[in-house]
């Protein structure tokens, strides 16, 4: 059992707990310095994902506008060229 736990944790239980305590303390100090709290981090992640989602759909909307603008020029030119080549 101990060998499986050590393999899972990557080190002994005591050393793993000590590493986690040190890293937790350092991260806590950094978060306190920036006045970040766990819920604030979750809200930032959520807001970022929502912003990416909305920007993605806005980009798709612009794609449709660009497609329509280009089609207003390309389709008539294509039809005129086809009609001119059809006479030959």
PDB file of N, CA and C in Angstrom:
ATOM      1  N   UNK A   1       0.822  -1.194   0.000  1.00  0.00           N
ATOM      2  CA  UNK A   1       0.000   0.000   0.000  1.00  0.00           C
ATOM      3  C   UNK A   1       0.863   1.255   0.000  1.00  0.00           C
ATOM      4  N   UNK A   2       1.902   1.261   0.813  1.00  0.00           N
ATOM      5  CA  UNK A   2       2.762   2.430   0.922  1.00  0.00           C
ATOM      6  C   UNK A   2       3.487   2.694  -0.392  1.00  0.00           C
ATOM      7  N   UNK A   3       3.907   1.614  -1.077  1.00  0.00           N
ATOM      8  CA  UNK A   3       4.595   1.788  -2.358  1.00  0.00           C
ATOM      9  C   UNK A   3       3.685   2.406  -3.405  1.00  0.00           C
ATOM     10  N   UNK A   4       2.409   1.995  -3.418  1.00  0.00           N
ATOM     11  CA  UNK A   4       1.452   2.559  -4.369  1.00  0.00           C
ATOM     12  C   UNK A   4       1.168   4.020  -4.072  1.00  0.00           C
ATOM     13  N   UNK A   5       1.067   4.371  -2.786  1.00  0.00           N
ATOM     14  CA  UNK A   5       0.813   5.757  -2.402  1.00  0.00           C
ATOM     15  C   UNK A   5       2.017   6.629  -2.758  1.00  0.00           C
ATOM     16  N   UNK A   6       3.204   6.142  -2.493  1.00  0.00           N
ATOM     17  CA  UNK A   6       4.421   6.889  -2.828  1.00  0.00           C
ATOM     18  C   UNK A   6       4.533   7.084  -4.335  1.00  0.00           C
ATOM     19  N   UNK A   7       4.208   6.049  -5.076  1.00  0.00           N
ATOM     20  CA  UNK A   7       4.239   6.159  -6.538  1.00  0.00           C
ATOM     21  C   UNK A   7       3.210   7.184  -7.026  1.00  0.00           C
ATOM     22  N   UNK A   8       2.029   7.193  -6.421  1.00  0.00           N
ATOM     23  CA  UNK A   8       0.979   8.133  -6.814  1.00  0.00           C
ATOM     24  C   UNK A   8       1.374   9.572  -6.489  1.00  0.00           C
ATOM     25  N   UNK A   9       1.919   9.793  -5.289  1.00  0.00           N
ATOM     26  CA  UNK A   9       2.279  11.144  -4.862  1.00  0.00           C
ATOM     27  C   UNK A   9       3.587  11.620  -5.474  1.00  0.00           C
ATOM     28  N   UNK A  10       4.433  10.723  -5.912  1.00  0.00           N
ATOM     29  CA  UNK A  10       5.717  11.104  -6.486  1.00  0.00           C
ATOM     30  C   UNK A  10       6.811  11.241  -5.449  1.00  0.00           C
ATOM     31  N   UNK A  11       6.486  11.117  -4.198  1.00  0.00           N
ATOM     32  CA  UNK A  11       7.446  11.217  -3.105  1.00  0.00           C
ATOM     33  C   UNK A  11       6.776  10.631  -1.869  1.00  0.00           C
ATOM     34  N   UNK A  12       7.461  10.673  -0.736  1.00  0.00           N
ATOM     35  CA  UNK A  12       6.840  10.159   0.482  1.00  0.00           C
ATOM     36  C   UNK A  12       5.712  11.093   0.916  1.00  0.00           C
ATOM     37  N   UNK A  13       4.839  10.592   1.761  1.00  0.00           N
ATOM     38  CA  UNK A  13       3.682  11.364   2.202  1.00  0.00           C
ATOM     39  C   UNK A  13       4.105  12.632   2.937  1.00  0.00           C
ATOM     40  N   UNK A  14       5.078  12.523   3.837  1.00  0.00           N
ATOM     41  CA  UNK A  14       5.533  13.685   4.613  1.00  0.00           C
ATOM     42  C   UNK A  14       6.140  14.769   3.734  1.00  0.00           C
ATOM     43  N   UNK A  15       6.990  14.359   2.797  1.00  0.00           N
ATOM     44  CA  UNK A  15       7.624  15.344   1.903  1.00  0.00           C
ATOM     45  C   UNK A  15       6.595  15.989   0.987  1.00  0.00           C
ATOM     46  N   UNK A  16       5.622  15.217   0.542  1.00  0.00           N
ATOM     47  CA  UNK A  16       4.583  15.775  -0.318  1.00  0.00           C
ATOM     48  C   UNK A  16       3.750  16.797   0.444  1.00  0.00           C
ATOM     49  N   UNK A  17       3.393  16.500   1.684  1.00  0.00           N
ATOM     50  CA  UNK A  17       2.628  17.441   2.500  1.00  0.00           C
ATOM     51  C   UNK A  17       3.440  18.716   2.739  1.00  0.00           C
ATOM     52  N   UNK A  18       4.733  18.571   3.011  1.00  0.00           N
ATOM     53  CA  UNK A  18       5.591  19.736   3.232  1.00  0.00           C
ATOM     54  C   UNK A  18       5.672  20.599   1.970  1.00  0.00           C
ATOM     55  N   UNK A  19       5.847  19.976   0.805  1.00  0.00           N
ATOM     56  CA  UNK A  19       5.891  20.727  -0.454  1.00  0.00           C
ATOM     57  C   UNK A  19       4.585  21.469  -0.693  1.00  0.00           C
ATOM     58  N   UNK A  20       3.468  20.796  -0.454  1.00  0.00           N
ATOM     59  CA  UNK A  20       2.164  21.431  -0.655  1.00  0.00           C
ATOM     60  C   UNK A  20       1.966  22.605   0.300  1.00  0.00           C
ATOM     61  N   UNK A  21       2.423  22.485   1.543  1.00  0.00           N
ATOM     62  CA  UNK A  21       2.318  23.587   2.497  1.00  0.00           C
ATOM     63  C   UNK A  21       3.135  24.795   2.051  1.00  0.00           C
ATOM     64  N   UNK A  22       4.359  24.557   1.598  1.00  0.00           N
ATOM     65  CA  UNK A  22       5.227  25.663   1.163  1.00  0.00           C
ATOM     66  C   UNK A  22       4.636  26.344  -0.072  1.00  0.00           C
ATOM     67  N   UNK A  23       4.209  25.567  -1.043  1.00  0.00           N
ATOM     68  CA  UNK A  23       3.642  26.135  -2.265  1.00  0.00           C
ATOM     69  C   UNK A  23       2.342  26.873  -1.952  1.00  0.00           C
ATOM     70  N   UNK A  24       1.519  26.324  -1.071  1.00  0.00           N
ATOM     71  CA  UNK A  24       0.270  26.983  -0.685  1.00  0.00           C
ATOM     72  C   UNK A  24       0.547  28.321  -0.010  1.00  0.00           C
ATOM     73  N   UNK A  25       1.573  28.365   0.835  1.00  0.00           N
ATOM     74  CA  UNK A  25       1.933  29.615   1.505  1.00  0.00           C
ATOM     75  C   UNK A  25       2.386  30.667   0.493  1.00  0.00           C
ATOM     76  N   UNK A  26       3.253  30.274  -0.431  1.00  0.00           N
ATOM     77  CA  UNK A  26       3.763  31.211  -1.441  1.00  0.00           C
ATOM     78  C   UNK A  26       2.618  31.736  -2.312  1.00  0.00           C
ATOM     79  N   UNK A  27       1.754  30.850  -2.772  1.00  0.00           N
ATOM     80  CA  UNK A  27       0.618  31.264  -3.594  1.00  0.00           C
ATOM     81  C   UNK A  27      -0.317  32.161  -2.787  1.00  0.00           C
ATOM     82  N   UNK A  28      -0.516  31.860  -1.510  1.00  0.00           N
ATOM     83  CA  UNK A  28      -1.355  32.690  -0.647  1.00  0.00           C
ATOM     84  C   UNK A  28      -0.797  34.096  -0.487  1.00  0.00           C
ATOM     85  N   UNK A  29       0.517  34.214  -0.331  1.00  0.00           N
ATOM     86  CA  UNK A  29       1.149  35.530  -0.212  1.00  0.00           C
ATOM     87  C   UNK A  29       0.978  36.319  -1.504  1.00  0.00           C
ATOM     88  N   UNK A  30       1.195  35.674  -2.637  1.00  0.00           N
ATOM     89  CA  UNK A  30       1.044  36.351  -3.936  1.00  0.00           C
ATOM     90  C   UNK A  30      -0.400  36.799  -4.148  1.00  0.00           C
ATOM     91  N   UNK A  31      -1.346  35.916  -3.852  1.00  0.00           N
ATOM     92  CA  UNK A  31      -2.752  36.275  -4.031  1.00  0.00           C
ATOM     93  C   UNK A  31      -3.150  37.410  -3.090  1.00  0.00           C
ATOM     94  N   UNK A  32      -2.634  37.414  -1.875  1.00  0.00           N
ATOM     95  CA  UNK A  32      -2.932  38.481  -0.927  1.00  0.00           C
ATOM     96  C   UNK A  32      -2.336  39.808  -1.408  1.00  0.00           C
ATOM     97  N   UNK A  33      -1.153  39.765  -1.987  1.00  0.00           N
ATOM     98  CA  UNK A  33      -0.510  40.987  -2.482  1.00  0.00           C
ATOM     99  C   UNK A  33      -1.331  41.620  -3.609  1.00  0.00           C
ATOM    100  N   UNK A  34      -1.978  40.810  -4.442  1.00  0.00           N
ATOM    101  CA  UNK A  34      -2.794  41.321  -5.541  1.00  0.00           C
ATOM    102  C   UNK A  34      -4.263  41.472  -5.156  1.00  0.00           C
ATOM    103  N   UNK A  35      -4.586  41.218  -3.889  1.00  0.00           N
ATOM    104  CA  UNK A  35      -5.965  41.280  -3.388  1.00  0.00           C
ATOM    105  C   UNK A  35      -6.883  40.361  -4.191  1.00  0.00           C
ATOM    106  N   UNK A  36      -6.403  39.169  -4.477  1.00  0.00           N
ATOM    107  CA  UNK A  36      -7.196  38.158  -5.172  1.00  0.00           C
ATOM    108  C   UNK A  36      -7.717  37.173  -4.134  1.00  0.00           C
ATOM    109  N   UNK A  37      -8.932  36.732  -4.354  1.00  0.00           N
ATOM    110  CA  UNK A  37      -9.521  35.711  -3.508  1.00  0.00           C
ATOM    111  C   UNK A  37     -10.001  34.584  -4.408  1.00  0.00           C
ATOM    112  N   UNK A  38     -10.155  33.377  -3.879  1.00  0.00           N
ATOM    113  CA  UNK A  38     -10.505  32.236  -4.735  1.00  0.00           C
ATOM    114  C   UNK A  38     -11.724  32.487  -5.619  1.00  0.00           C
ATOM    115  N   UNK A  39     -12.767  33.112  -5.079  1.00  0.00           N
ATOM    116  CA  UNK A  39     -13.948  33.385  -5.912  1.00  0.00           C
ATOM    117  C   UNK A  39     -13.642  34.402  -6.999  1.00  0.00           C
ATOM    118  N   UNK A  40     -12.766  35.373  -6.699  1.00  0.00           N
ATOM    119  CA  UNK A  40     -12.385  36.349  -7.717  1.00  0.00           C
ATOM    120  C   UNK A  40     -11.682  35.667  -8.885  1.00  0.00           C
ATOM    121  N   UNK A  41     -10.838  34.693  -8.575  1.00  0.00           N
ATOM    122  CA  UNK A  41     -10.137  33.961  -9.634  1.00  0.00           C
ATOM    123  C   UNK A  41     -11.148  33.193 -10.485  1.00  0.00           C
ATOM    124  N   UNK A  42     -12.118  32.554  -9.826  1.00  0.00           N
ATOM    125  CA  UNK A  42     -13.149  31.836 -10.590  1.00  0.00           C
ATOM    126  C   UNK A  42     -13.960  32.794 -11.456  1.00  0.00           C
ATOM    127  N   UNK A  43     -14.290  33.971 -10.912  1.00  0.00           N
ATOM    128  CA  UNK A  43     -15.039  34.960 -11.699  1.00  0.00           C
ATOM    129  C   UNK A  43     -14.216  35.469 -12.880  1.00  0.00           C
ATOM    130  N   UNK A  44     -12.895  35.654 -12.669  1.00  0.00           N
ATOM    131  CA  UNK A  44     -12.034  36.097 -13.776  1.00  0.00           C
ATOM    132  C   UNK A  44     -11.998  35.046 -14.880  1.00  0.00           C
ATOM    133  N   UNK A  45     -11.904  33.784 -14.492  1.00  0.00           N
ATOM    134  CA  UNK A  45     -11.891  32.702 -15.488  1.00  0.00           C
ATOM    135  C   UNK A  45     -13.217  32.670 -16.234  1.00  0.00           C
ATOM    136  N   UNK A  46     -14.324  32.785 -15.496  1.00  0.00           N
ATOM    137  CA  UNK A  46     -15.641  32.782 -16.136  1.00  0.00           C
ATOM    138  C   UNK A  46     -15.794  33.962 -17.090  1.00  0.00           C
ATOM    139  N   UNK A  47     -15.395  35.153 -16.649  1.00  0.00           N
ATOM    140  CA  UNK A  47     -15.518  36.338 -17.497  1.00  0.00           C
ATOM    141  C   UNK A  47     -14.649  36.214 -18.743  1.00  0.00           C
ATOM    142  N   UNK A  48     -13.473  35.631 -18.606  1.00  0.00           N
ATOM    143  CA  UNK A  48     -12.601  35.431 -19.761  1.00  0.00           C
ATOM    144  C   UNK A  48     -13.237  34.478 -20.753  1.00  0.00           C
ATOM    145  N   UNK A  49     -13.805  33.386 -20.275  1.00  0.00           N
ATOM    146  CA  UNK A  49     -14.450  32.426 -21.172  1.00  0.00           C
ATOM    147  C   UNK A  49     -15.674  33.029 -21.864  1.00  0.00           C
ATOM    148  N   UNK A  50     -16.464  33.817 -21.118  1.00  0.00           N
ATOM    149  CA  UNK A  50     -17.623  34.481 -21.719  1.00  0.00           C
ATOM    150  C   UNK A  50     -17.169  35.479 -22.774  1.00  0.00           C
ATOM    151  N   UNK A  51     -16.112  36.218 -22.483  1.00  0.00           N
ATOM    152  CA  UNK A  51     -15.591  37.193 -23.445  1.00  0.00           C
ATOM    153  C   UNK A  51     -15.096  36.500 -24.707  1.00  0.00           C
ATOM    154  N   UNK A  52     -14.399  35.387 -24.564  1.00  0.00           N
ATOM    155  CA  UNK A  52     -13.934  34.626 -25.730  1.00  0.00           C
ATOM    156  C   UNK A  52     -15.124  34.108 -26.525  1.00  0.00           C
ATOM    157  N   UNK A  53     -16.156  33.622 -25.835  1.00  0.00           N
ATOM    158  CA  UNK A  53     -17.356  33.104 -26.493  1.00  0.00           C
ATOM    159  C   UNK A  53     -18.038  34.204 -27.315  1.00  0.00           C
ATOM    160  N   UNK A  54     -18.229  35.374 -26.691  1.00  0.00           N
ATOM    161  CA  UNK A  54     -18.904  36.472 -27.377  1.00  0.00           C
ATOM    162  C   UNK A  54     -18.061  37.017 -28.520  1.00  0.00           C
ATOM    163  N   UNK A  55     -16.763  37.109 -28.329  1.00  0.00           N
ATOM    164  CA  UNK A  55     -15.883  37.590 -29.387  1.00  0.00           C
ATOM    165  C   UNK A  55     -15.874  36.619 -30.554  1.00  0.00           C
ATOM    166  N   UNK A  56     -15.935  35.338 -30.258  1.00  0.00           N
ATOM    167  CA  UNK A  56     -15.963  34.335 -31.331  1.00  0.00           C
ATOM    168  C   UNK A  56     -17.186  34.488 -32.204  1.00  0.00           C
ATOM    169  N   UNK A  57     -18.359  34.701 -31.589  1.00  0.00           N
ATOM    170  CA  UNK A  57     -19.566  34.879 -32.383  1.00  0.00           C
ATOM    171  C   UNK A  57     -19.559  36.209 -33.119  1.00  0.00           C
ATOM    172  N   UNK A  58     -18.951  37.225 -32.532  1.00  0.00           N
ATOM    173  CA  UNK A  58     -18.827  38.507 -33.225  1.00  0.00           C
ATOM    174  C   UNK A  58     -17.943  38.343 -34.450  1.00  0.00           C
ATOM    175  N   UNK A  59     -16.892  37.542 -34.328  1.00  0.00           N
ATOM    176  CA  UNK A  59     -16.015  37.294 -35.479  1.00  0.00           C
ATOM    177  C   UNK A  59     -16.774  36.550 -36.569  1.00  0.00           C
ATOM    178  N   UNK A  60     -17.632  35.610 -36.190  1.00  0.00           N
ATOM    179  CA  UNK A  60     -18.439  34.904 -37.189  1.00  0.00           C
ATOM    180  C   UNK A  60     -19.400  35.860 -37.878  1.00  0.00           C
ATOM    181  N   UNK A  61     -19.949  36.806 -37.125  1.00  0.00           N
ATOM    182  CA  UNK A  61     -20.834  37.809 -37.712  1.00  0.00           C
ATOM    183  C   UNK A  61     -20.092  38.683 -38.707  1.00  0.00           C
ATOM    184  N   UNK A  62     -18.874  39.082 -38.362  1.00  0.00           N
ATOM    185  CA  UNK A  62     -18.066  39.871 -39.297  1.00  0.00           C
ATOM    186  C   UNK A  62     -17.713  39.049 -40.522  1.00  0.00           C
ATOM    187  N   UNK A  63     -17.505  37.760 -40.351  1.00  0.00           N
ATOM    188  CA  UNK A  63     -17.216  36.884 -41.486  1.00  0.00           C
ATOM    189  C   UNK A  63     -18.368  36.913 -42.482  1.00  0.00           C
ATOM    190  N   UNK A  64     -19.591  36.846 -41.967  1.00  0.00           N
ATOM    191  CA  UNK A  64     -20.765  36.892 -42.837  1.00  0.00           C
ATOM    192  C   UNK A  64     -20.872  38.218 -43.575  1.00  0.00           C
ATOM    193  N   UNK A  65     -20.572  39.316 -42.881  1.00  0.00           N
ATOM    194  CA  UNK A  65     -20.607  40.637 -43.519  1.00  0.00           C
ATOM    195  C   UNK A  65     -19.561  40.715 -44.613  1.00  0.00           C
ATOM    196  N   UNK A  66     -18.353  40.248 -44.339  1.00  0.00           N
ATOM    197  CA  UNK A  66     -17.299  40.273 -45.356  1.00  0.00           C
ATOM    198  C   UNK A  66     -17.672  39.410 -46.550  1.00  0.00           C
ATOM    199  N   UNK A  67     -18.281  38.263 -46.279  1.00  0.00           N
ATOM    200  CA  UNK A  67     -18.703  37.372 -47.356  1.00  0.00           C
ATOM    201  C   UNK A  67     -19.750  38.051 -48.238  1.00  0.00           C
ATOM    202  N   UNK A  68     -20.715  38.706 -47.617  1.00  0.00           N
ATOM    203  CA  UNK A  68     -21.765  39.391 -48.388  1.00  0.00           C
ATOM    204  C   UNK A  68     -21.187  40.550 -49.191  1.00  0.00           C
ATOM    205  N   UNK A  69     -20.283  41.316 -48.608  1.00  0.00           N
ATOM    206  CA  UNK A  69     -19.667  42.429 -49.333  1.00  0.00           C
ATOM    207  C   UNK A  69     -18.871  41.929 -50.535  1.00  0.00           C
ATOM    208  N   UNK A  70     -18.112  40.900 -50.328  1.00  0.00           N
ATOM    209  CA  UNK A  70     -17.331  40.346 -51.440  1.00  0.00           C
ATOM    210  C   UNK A  70     -18.216  39.754 -52.514  1.00  0.00           C
ATOM    211  N   UNK A  71     -19.305  39.106 -52.120  1.00  0.00           N
ATOM    212  CA  UNK A  71     -20.221  38.498 -53.081  1.00  0.00           C
ATOM    213  C   UNK A  71     -20.900  39.559 -53.943  1.00  0.00           C
ATOM    214  N   UNK A  72     -21.122  40.744 -53.401  1.00  0.00           N
ATOM    215  CA  UNK A  72     -21.733  41.831 -54.178  1.00  0.00           C
ATOM    216  C   UNK A  72     -20.864  42.231 -55.360  1.00  0.00           C
ATOM    217  N   UNK A  73     -19.588  42.010 -55.267  1.00  0.00           N
ATOM    218  CA  UNK A  73     -18.684  42.342 -56.370  1.00  0.00           C
ATOM    219  C   UNK A  73     -18.361  41.105 -57.202  1.00  0.00           C
ATOM    220  N   UNK A  74     -18.066  40.006 -56.553  1.00  0.00           N
ATOM    221  CA  UNK A  74     -17.578  38.815 -57.242  1.00  0.00           C
ATOM    222  C   UNK A  74     -18.659  38.159 -58.101  1.00  0.00           C
ATOM    223  N   UNK A  75     -19.858  38.014 -57.578  1.00  0.00           N
ATOM    224  CA  UNK A  75     -20.909  37.313 -58.321  1.00  0.00           C
ATOM    225  C   UNK A  75     -21.278  38.041 -59.614  1.00  0.00           C
ATOM    226  N   UNK A  76     -21.512  39.370 -59.608  1.00  0.00           N
ATOM    227  CA  UNK A  76     -21.801  40.040 -60.885  1.00  0.00           C
ATOM    228  C   UNK A  76     -20.645  39.954 -61.878  1.00  0.00           C
ATOM    229  N   UNK A  77     -19.408  40.101 -61.389  1.00  0.00           N
ATOM    230  CA  UNK A  77     -18.253  39.990 -62.293  1.00  0.00           C
ATOM    231  C   UNK A  77     -18.186  38.590 -62.881  1.00  0.00           C
ATOM    232  N   UNK A  78     -18.424  37.585 -62.063  1.00  0.00           N
ATOM    233  CA  UNK A  78     -18.425  36.203 -62.539  1.00  0.00           C
ATOM    234  C   UNK A  78     -19.499  35.999 -63.611  1.00  0.00           C
ATOM    235  N   UNK A  79     -20.707  36.498 -63.359  1.00  0.00           N
ATOM    236  CA  UNK A  79     -21.789  36.338 -64.333  1.00  0.00           C
ATOM    237  C   UNK A  79     -21.479  37.062 -65.640  1.00  0.00           C
ATOM    238  N   UNK A  80     -20.925  38.257 -65.548  1.00  0.00           N
ATOM    239  CA  UNK A  80     -20.562  39.001 -66.769  1.00  0.00           C
ATOM    240  C   UNK A  80     -19.497  38.252 -67.545  1.00  0.00           C
ATOM    241  N   UNK A  81     -18.483  37.754 -66.869  1.00  0.00           N
ATOM    242  CA  UNK A  81     -17.430  37.001 -67.562  1.00  0.00           C
ATOM    243  C   UNK A  81     -17.983  35.724 -68.189  1.00  0.00           C
ATOM    244  N   UNK A  82     -18.878  35.051 -67.506  1.00  0.00           N
ATOM    245  CA  UNK A  82     -19.479  33.826 -68.071  1.00  0.00           C
ATOM    246  C   UNK A  82     -20.321  34.152 -69.302  1.00  0.00           C
ATOM    247  N   UNK A  83     -21.066  35.251 -69.251  1.00  0.00           N
ATOM    248  CA  UNK A  83     -21.863  35.642 -70.410  1.00  0.00           C
ATOM    249  C   UNK A  83     -20.980  36.030 -71.597  1.00  0.00           C
ATOM    250  N   UNK A  84     -19.882  36.713 -71.323  1.00  0.00           N
ATOM    251  CA  UNK A  84     -18.972  37.089 -72.402  1.00  0.00           C
ATOM    252  C   UNK A  84     -18.288  35.857 -73.005  1.00  0.00           C
ATOM    253  N   UNK A  85     -17.948  34.885 -72.194  1.00  0.00           N
ATOM    254  CA  UNK A  85     -17.329  33.664 -72.706  1.00  0.00           C
ATOM    255  C   UNK A  85     -18.362  32.742 -73.361  1.00  0.00           C
ATOM    256  N   UNK A  86     -19.622  32.863 -73.020  1.00  0.00           N
ATOM    257  CA  UNK A  86     -20.670  32.037 -73.582  1.00  0.00           C
ATOM    258  C   UNK A  86     -20.897  32.365 -75.057  1.00  0.00           C
ATOM    259  N   UNK A  87     -20.664  33.614 -75.470  1.00  0.00           N
ATOM    260  CA  UNK A  87     -20.854  34.037 -76.855  1.00  0.00           C
ATOM    261  C   UNK A  87     -19.839  33.396 -77.783  1.00  0.00           C
ATOM    262  N   UNK A  88     -18.698  33.060 -77.299  1.00  0.00           N
ATOM    263  CA  UNK A  88     -17.632  32.503 -78.158  1.00  0.00           C
ATOM    264  C   UNK A  88     -17.892  31.101 -78.528  1.00  0.00           C
TER     265      UNK A  88
END
